[in-house]
Amino acid sequence: GPDGAVQCYGFTDATKIAVADYDPDSDLMVDFDGEPRLAIIICWDFDGTDWDSRVFFHFDPIGGAED
């Protein structure tokens, strides 16, 4: 944050989703109403031309500057 506060995150789970099955209206990647989380998304299953799936690695906040 602007005051130098740092937030740490701990890994909670990973979800692999085929591109063909991904619902862009889901809250898998972005959930503005949910609790704070971090998601790292990588492409997976390269078929020689394109990536057929994504892996979503989810992290929840742990500790924080005030702890």
C-alpha atoms as a PDB file:
ATOM      1  CA  GLY A   1       0.000   0.000   0.000  1.00  0.00           C
ATOM      2  CA  PRO A   2       0.967   3.668  -0.123  1.00  0.00           C
ATOM      3  CA  ASP A   3       2.050   3.459   3.528  1.00  0.00           C
ATOM      4  CA  GLY A   4       4.436   0.573   2.817  1.00  0.00           C
ATOM      5  CA  ALA A   5       2.088  -2.162   4.112  1.00  0.00           C
ATOM      6  CA  VAL A   6       2.695  -5.614   2.630  1.00  0.00           C
ATOM      7  CA  GLN A   7       0.129  -8.405   2.218  1.00  0.00           C
ATOM      8  CA  CYS A   8       1.235 -12.033   2.116  1.00  0.00           C
ATOM      9  CA  TYR A   9      -0.773 -14.821   0.489  1.00  0.00           C
ATOM     10  CA  GLY A  10      -0.763 -18.580   1.035  1.00  0.00           C
ATOM     11  CA  PHE A  11      -1.570 -21.153  -1.642  1.00  0.00           C
ATOM     12  CA  THR A  12      -4.997 -22.783  -1.166  1.00  0.00           C
ATOM     13  CA  ASP A  13      -5.818 -24.732  -4.343  1.00  0.00           C
ATOM     14  CA  ALA A  14      -5.453 -25.059  -8.098  1.00  0.00           C
ATOM     15  CA  THR A  15      -8.152 -25.600 -10.697  1.00  0.00           C
ATOM     16  CA  LYS A  16      -7.538 -26.699 -14.285  1.00  0.00           C
ATOM     17  CA  ILE A  17     -10.211 -25.577 -16.761  1.00  0.00           C
ATOM     18  CA  ALA A  18     -10.422 -26.376 -20.468  1.00  0.00           C
ATOM     19  CA  VAL A  19     -10.738 -23.217 -22.542  1.00  0.00           C
ATOM     20  CA  ALA A  20     -13.882 -24.678 -24.148  1.00  0.00           C
ATOM     21  CA  ASP A  21     -15.464 -25.169 -20.685  1.00  0.00           C
ATOM     22  CA  TYR A  22     -14.568 -21.788 -19.153  1.00  0.00           C
ATOM     23  CA  ASP A  23     -17.552 -19.586 -18.293  1.00  0.00           C
ATOM     24  CA  PRO A  24     -16.424 -15.938 -18.494  1.00  0.00           C
ATOM     25  CA  ASP A  25     -19.373 -15.007 -16.254  1.00  0.00           C
ATOM     26  CA  SER A  26     -18.060 -17.247 -13.439  1.00  0.00           C
ATOM     27  CA  ASP A  27     -16.222 -15.895 -10.416  1.00  0.00           C
ATOM     28  CA  LEU A  28     -13.265 -18.242 -10.912  1.00  0.00           C
ATOM     29  CA  MET A  29     -10.959 -15.454 -12.088  1.00  0.00           C
ATOM     30  CA  VAL A  30     -12.621 -12.285 -10.742  1.00  0.00           C
ATOM     31  CA  ASP A  31     -15.110 -11.976  -7.872  1.00  0.00           C
ATOM     32  CA  PHE A  32     -15.728  -8.362  -6.918  1.00  0.00           C
ATOM     33  CA  ASP A  33     -18.149  -9.403  -4.145  1.00  0.00           C
ATOM     34  CA  GLY A  34     -16.021 -12.137  -2.548  1.00  0.00           C
ATOM     35  CA  GLU A  35     -13.221 -12.126  -0.013  1.00  0.00           C
ATOM     36  CA  PRO A  36      -9.787 -10.853  -1.133  1.00  0.00           C
ATOM     37  CA  ARG A  37      -7.819 -13.543  -2.994  1.00  0.00           C
ATOM     38  CA  LEU A  38      -4.945 -13.728  -5.407  1.00  0.00           C
ATOM     39  CA  ALA A  39      -5.093 -15.788  -8.594  1.00  0.00           C
ATOM     40  CA  ILE A  40      -2.172 -16.685 -10.832  1.00  0.00           C
ATOM     41  CA  ILE A  41      -3.333 -18.075 -14.164  1.00  0.00           C
ATOM     42  CA  ILE A  42      -1.127 -19.994 -16.573  1.00  0.00           C
ATOM     43  CA  CYS A  43      -1.796 -21.491 -19.986  1.00  0.00           C
ATOM     44  CA  TRP A  44      -1.565 -25.290 -20.202  1.00  0.00           C
ATOM     45  CA  ASP A  45      -1.918 -28.149 -22.708  1.00  0.00           C
ATOM     46  CA  PHE A  46      -0.277 -26.669 -25.784  1.00  0.00           C
ATOM     47  CA  ASP A  47      -1.478 -28.538 -28.870  1.00  0.00           C
ATOM     48  CA  GLY A  48       1.180 -27.155 -31.224  1.00  0.00           C
ATOM     49  CA  THR A  49      -0.969 -24.201 -32.239  1.00  0.00           C
ATOM     50  CA  ASP A  50      -2.851 -22.980 -29.175  1.00  0.00           C
ATOM     51  CA  TRP A  51      -3.291 -23.562 -25.446  1.00  0.00           C
ATOM     52  CA  ASP A  52      -6.270 -25.802 -24.640  1.00  0.00           C
ATOM     53  CA  SER A  53      -6.597 -25.110 -20.910  1.00  0.00           C
ATOM     54  CA  ARG A  54      -5.726 -22.769 -18.058  1.00  0.00           C
ATOM     55  CA  VAL A  55      -4.612 -23.543 -14.519  1.00  0.00           C
ATOM     56  CA  PHE A  56      -5.874 -21.162 -11.835  1.00  0.00           C
ATOM     57  CA  PHE A  57      -3.706 -21.119  -8.703  1.00  0.00           C
ATOM     58  CA  HIS A  58      -5.592 -19.512  -5.798  1.00  0.00           C
ATOM     59  CA  PHE A  59      -4.109 -17.839  -2.734  1.00  0.00           C
ATOM     60  CA  ASP A  60      -5.767 -16.391   0.375  1.00  0.00           C
ATOM     61  CA  PRO A  61      -4.353 -13.542   2.467  1.00  0.00           C
ATOM     62  CA  ILE A  62      -2.284 -14.558   5.471  1.00  0.00           C
ATOM     63  CA  GLY A  63      -1.052 -12.203   8.136  1.00  0.00           C
ATOM     64  CA  GLY A  64      -0.485  -8.642   7.075  1.00  0.00           C
ATOM     65  CA  ALA A  65       1.183  -5.448   8.170  1.00  0.00           C
ATOM     66  CA  GLU A  66      -1.024  -5.128  11.242  1.00  0.00           C
ATOM     67  CA  ASP A  67      -0.181  -8.659  12.576  1.00  0.00           C
END
